[in-house]
Amino acid sequence: MSPFQALYGYPPPKFSWNVSKEVRVSTVEDLLKEQENLSKLPVDQLEKAQHKMKFYADKNKTKREFQVRDIMYLKLQPYKQASLRLRKNLKLSSKYYGPYLIVVKIGKVAYKLQLLEFSKLHPVFHVNLLKKKVGTKDVPSLTLLKVGKNGQPLVYPAVVLDKRMVKKNNKAVTQLLVEWSNLGSENAIWEDFSVLKSQIPLFDPYGQ
């Protein structure tokens, strides 16, 4: 069903835009020519719009090409996937994951990366999602993270930096800006006070 039929309840009228040489009535011939020109107008306007959009899009594009064994960062939306790495504050976390190794070059604009074994993502990505790692310098950490039996870092609320009231489900909720141990103040995030008390019963933000 066409949009016209869905709106008006009957099929759209069909006209033949081919002007026949046998048409001898000038009014009919003029009408057919006018309808033919009108039918070509949207097509011409769409082509012009496509060329214009492509022109401005190409102005901001840079040709990029990578080689096998290059080390790349992968750009993804953190809140749309969690198989590469779990992150606490998704909206404020980095959109780049990795680095990962290019194992196969597929065509001109696609590359296969060597992802983690437990990753559920398809390993082939477009060149626009990749960013090459520059340099080989590694920044060592001066302190080692304490980890539990499952290998995950052990963290606890270290300092409450701020307090605010927000509205959730038409109710006032107290939130605290918490700096977690071993993560630094730059990774401080807002947490619901009720959630903190349920998970950490001995947590006292006023006795810190």
Protein backbone atom coordinates (compact mmCIF):
# COMPACT_ATOMS: atom_id res chain seq x y z
CA MET A 1 0.00 0.00 0.00
CA SER A 2 1.37 3.39 -1.01
CA PRO A 3 1.36 6.39 1.38
CA PHE A 4 -1.20 8.07 -0.92
CA GLN A 5 -3.61 5.14 -0.63
CA ALA A 6 -3.10 4.90 3.13
CA LEU A 7 -3.99 8.59 3.48
CA TYR A 8 -6.87 8.93 1.03
CA GLY A 9 -8.20 5.36 0.92
CA TYR A 10 -7.83 4.79 -2.84
CA PRO A 11 -4.91 4.17 -5.21
CA PRO A 12 -3.18 7.22 -6.70
CA PRO A 13 -4.23 8.20 -10.23
CA LYS A 14 -1.97 6.96 -12.99
CA PHE A 15 -1.06 9.18 -15.92
CA SER A 16 0.94 8.43 -19.00
CA TRP A 17 3.53 11.17 -19.41
CA ASN A 18 4.55 10.10 -22.92
CA VAL A 19 3.32 12.67 -25.38
CA SER A 20 1.94 10.84 -28.39
CA LYS A 21 2.31 12.26 -31.85
CA GLU A 22 -1.33 11.37 -32.44
CA VAL A 23 -2.50 13.95 -29.88
CA ARG A 24 -4.05 16.70 -31.90
CA VAL A 25 -5.71 18.69 -29.11
CA SER A 26 -3.24 21.34 -28.06
CA THR A 27 -4.72 21.65 -24.57
CA VAL A 28 -4.22 17.95 -23.87
CA GLU A 29 -0.70 18.05 -25.26
CA ASP A 30 0.20 21.03 -23.07
CA LEU A 31 -1.24 19.27 -20.03
CA LEU A 32 0.80 16.11 -20.68
CA LYS A 33 3.99 18.13 -21.13
CA GLU A 34 3.32 20.04 -17.92
CA GLN A 35 2.72 16.82 -16.00
CA GLU A 36 5.91 15.31 -17.44
CA ASN A 37 7.94 18.34 -16.32
CA LEU A 38 6.37 18.21 -12.86
CA SER A 39 7.24 14.52 -12.51
CA LYS A 40 10.89 15.24 -13.34
CA LEU A 41 11.15 18.19 -10.95
CA PRO A 42 11.35 16.18 -7.66
CA VAL A 43 13.94 13.85 -9.17
CA ASP A 44 16.11 16.77 -10.26
CA GLN A 45 15.77 18.48 -6.87
CA LEU A 46 16.70 15.28 -5.03
CA GLU A 47 19.80 14.83 -7.17
CA LYS A 48 20.88 18.42 -6.50
CA ALA A 49 20.34 17.96 -2.76
CA GLN A 50 22.35 14.71 -2.77
CA HIS A 51 25.25 16.32 -4.63
CA LYS A 52 25.19 19.28 -2.25
CA MET A 53 25.23 17.09 0.87
CA LYS A 54 28.01 14.94 -0.56
CA PHE A 55 30.07 18.03 -1.41
CA TYR A 56 29.98 19.40 2.15
CA ALA A 57 30.45 15.94 3.69
CA ASP A 58 33.53 15.25 1.57
CA LYS A 59 35.10 18.56 2.64
CA ASN A 60 35.43 17.26 6.22
CA LYS A 61 36.65 13.79 5.26
CA THR A 62 40.25 12.70 5.37
CA LYS A 63 41.56 9.62 3.64
CA ARG A 64 42.78 7.12 6.20
CA GLU A 65 44.40 3.77 5.62
CA PHE A 66 45.93 1.37 8.11
CA GLN A 67 48.07 -1.72 7.83
CA VAL A 68 47.96 -5.17 9.37
CA ARG A 69 49.66 -5.26 12.80
CA ASP A 70 48.77 -1.61 13.47
CA ILE A 71 47.43 -0.98 16.96
CA MET A 72 44.08 0.81 17.02
CA TYR A 73 41.56 2.28 19.41
CA LEU A 74 37.93 1.38 18.71
CA LYS A 75 35.16 3.97 19.00
CA LEU A 76 31.87 2.61 20.38
CA GLN A 77 28.90 3.88 22.37
CA PRO A 78 29.49 2.67 25.96
CA TYR A 79 25.78 2.38 26.78
CA LYS A 80 25.11 0.12 23.77
CA GLN A 81 27.54 -2.62 24.63
CA ALA A 82 29.18 -4.14 27.67
CA SER A 83 31.05 -7.16 26.33
CA LEU A 84 34.38 -5.32 25.97
CA ARG A 85 34.45 -3.57 29.32
CA LEU A 86 32.00 -2.65 32.07
CA ARG A 87 31.96 1.03 32.95
CA LYS A 88 30.17 2.63 35.84
CA ASN A 89 29.23 6.04 34.43
CA LEU A 90 28.45 5.34 30.78
CA LYS A 91 27.61 8.84 29.54
CA LEU A 92 30.82 10.37 30.87
CA SER A 93 33.14 7.48 30.09
CA SER A 94 35.47 7.39 27.12
CA LYS A 95 34.02 6.21 23.81
CA TYR A 96 37.30 4.57 22.76
CA TYR A 97 38.17 1.01 23.72
CA GLY A 98 41.39 -0.86 23.29
CA PRO A 99 43.99 -0.79 21.98
CA TYR A 100 43.48 -3.73 19.64
CA LEU A 101 45.58 -5.24 16.88
CA ILE A 102 44.57 -5.22 13.20
CA VAL A 103 44.74 -8.81 11.96
CA VAL A 104 43.09 -8.55 8.53
CA LYS A 105 42.40 -5.72 6.10
CA ILE A 106 39.07 -6.21 4.31
CA GLY A 107 38.64 -4.09 1.21
CA LYS A 108 39.48 -0.40 1.41
CA VAL A 109 37.48 0.73 4.43
CA ALA A 110 37.06 -2.28 6.75
CA TYR A 111 39.44 -3.93 9.21
CA LYS A 112 39.26 -6.99 11.43
CA LEU A 113 40.51 -6.48 14.98
CA GLN A 114 41.80 -8.97 17.50
CA LEU A 115 39.22 -8.46 20.24
CA LEU A 116 38.99 -10.16 23.60
CA GLU A 117 37.92 -13.79 23.59
CA PHE A 118 34.70 -13.16 25.52
CA SER A 119 33.65 -10.21 23.35
CA LYS A 120 30.29 -10.65 21.62
CA LEU A 121 31.00 -7.99 18.96
CA HIS A 122 31.64 -8.78 15.32
CA PRO A 123 35.39 -8.11 14.88
CA VAL A 124 35.12 -6.22 11.55
CA PHE A 125 34.77 -2.42 11.77
CA HIS A 126 34.63 0.56 9.42
CA VAL A 127 37.65 2.83 9.22
CA ASN A 128 35.66 5.71 10.75
CA LEU A 129 35.44 3.80 14.04
CA LEU A 130 39.21 3.34 14.34
CA LYS A 131 41.89 5.63 15.74
CA LYS A 132 45.55 4.71 15.50
CA LYS A 133 47.59 4.50 18.68
CA VAL A 134 50.56 6.84 18.42
CA GLY A 135 53.75 6.15 20.35
CA THR A 136 54.79 3.27 22.56
CA LYS A 137 55.05 5.06 25.88
CA ASP A 138 53.23 3.38 28.76
CA VAL A 139 52.36 5.36 31.89
CA PRO A 140 53.00 3.10 34.89
CA SER A 141 50.84 3.29 37.99
CA LEU A 142 52.69 4.06 41.22
CA THR A 143 50.25 2.00 43.28
CA LEU A 144 48.76 -1.40 42.64
CA LEU A 145 45.00 -1.88 42.79
CA LYS A 146 43.72 -4.26 45.41
CA VAL A 147 41.67 -7.02 43.82
CA GLY A 148 39.31 -9.62 45.24
CA LYS A 149 39.13 -13.34 44.65
CA ASN A 150 37.27 -12.80 41.38
CA GLY A 151 40.01 -10.53 40.05
CA GLN A 152 37.88 -7.37 40.19
CA PRO A 153 39.25 -4.21 41.88
CA LEU A 154 38.16 -3.67 45.47
CA VAL A 155 36.76 -0.16 45.84
CA TYR A 156 34.92 1.65 48.63
CA PRO A 157 33.68 5.22 49.16
CA ALA A 158 36.68 7.31 50.16
CA VAL A 159 35.37 10.90 50.19
CA VAL A 160 31.99 12.56 49.64
CA LEU A 161 32.67 15.64 47.53
CA ASP A 162 29.18 17.08 47.15
CA LYS A 163 25.48 16.49 47.80
CA ARG A 164 22.34 17.20 45.78
CA MET A 165 18.62 16.43 45.55
CA VAL A 166 17.15 15.03 42.33
CA LYS A 167 13.67 13.94 41.28
CA LYS A 168 13.08 10.28 40.40
CA ASN A 169 9.61 8.83 39.84
CA ASN A 170 8.10 12.00 41.35
CA LYS A 171 10.12 11.52 44.53
CA ALA A 172 13.01 13.52 45.98
CA VAL A 173 16.18 11.42 46.06
CA THR A 174 19.42 12.32 47.83
CA GLN A 175 22.56 11.81 45.77
CA LEU A 176 26.19 12.04 46.83
CA LEU A 177 29.20 12.79 44.66
CA VAL A 178 31.47 9.96 45.79
CA GLU A 179 35.18 9.57 45.17
CA TRP A 180 35.94 5.86 45.19
CA SER A 181 39.17 4.46 46.56
CA ASN A 182 41.91 3.67 44.03
CA LEU A 183 40.03 5.59 41.30
CA GLY A 184 40.89 9.24 41.98
CA SER A 185 38.73 12.36 42.14
CA GLU A 186 38.46 12.60 38.35
CA ASN A 187 36.36 9.41 38.41
CA ALA A 188 33.97 10.60 41.12
CA ILE A 189 30.32 9.92 40.25
CA TRP A 190 26.88 10.66 41.67
CA GLU A 191 25.37 7.79 43.64
CA ASP A 192 21.96 7.41 45.30
CA PHE A 193 22.40 7.59 49.06
CA SER A 194 19.82 4.83 49.61
CA VAL A 195 21.72 2.50 47.26
CA LEU A 196 24.99 3.15 49.06
CA LYS A 197 23.42 2.43 52.45
CA SER A 198 21.88 -0.82 51.20
CA GLN A 199 25.15 -2.04 49.68
CA ILE A 200 27.48 -0.65 52.35
CA PRO A 201 25.58 -0.58 55.69
CA LEU A 202 28.54 0.92 57.60
CA PHE A 203 28.90 3.81 55.17
CA ASP A 204 28.51 7.15 57.00
CA PRO A 205 28.93 10.19 54.73
CA TYR A 206 28.71 12.61 57.67
CA GLY A 207 31.33 10.88 59.76
CA GLN A 208 34.04 10.82 57.12
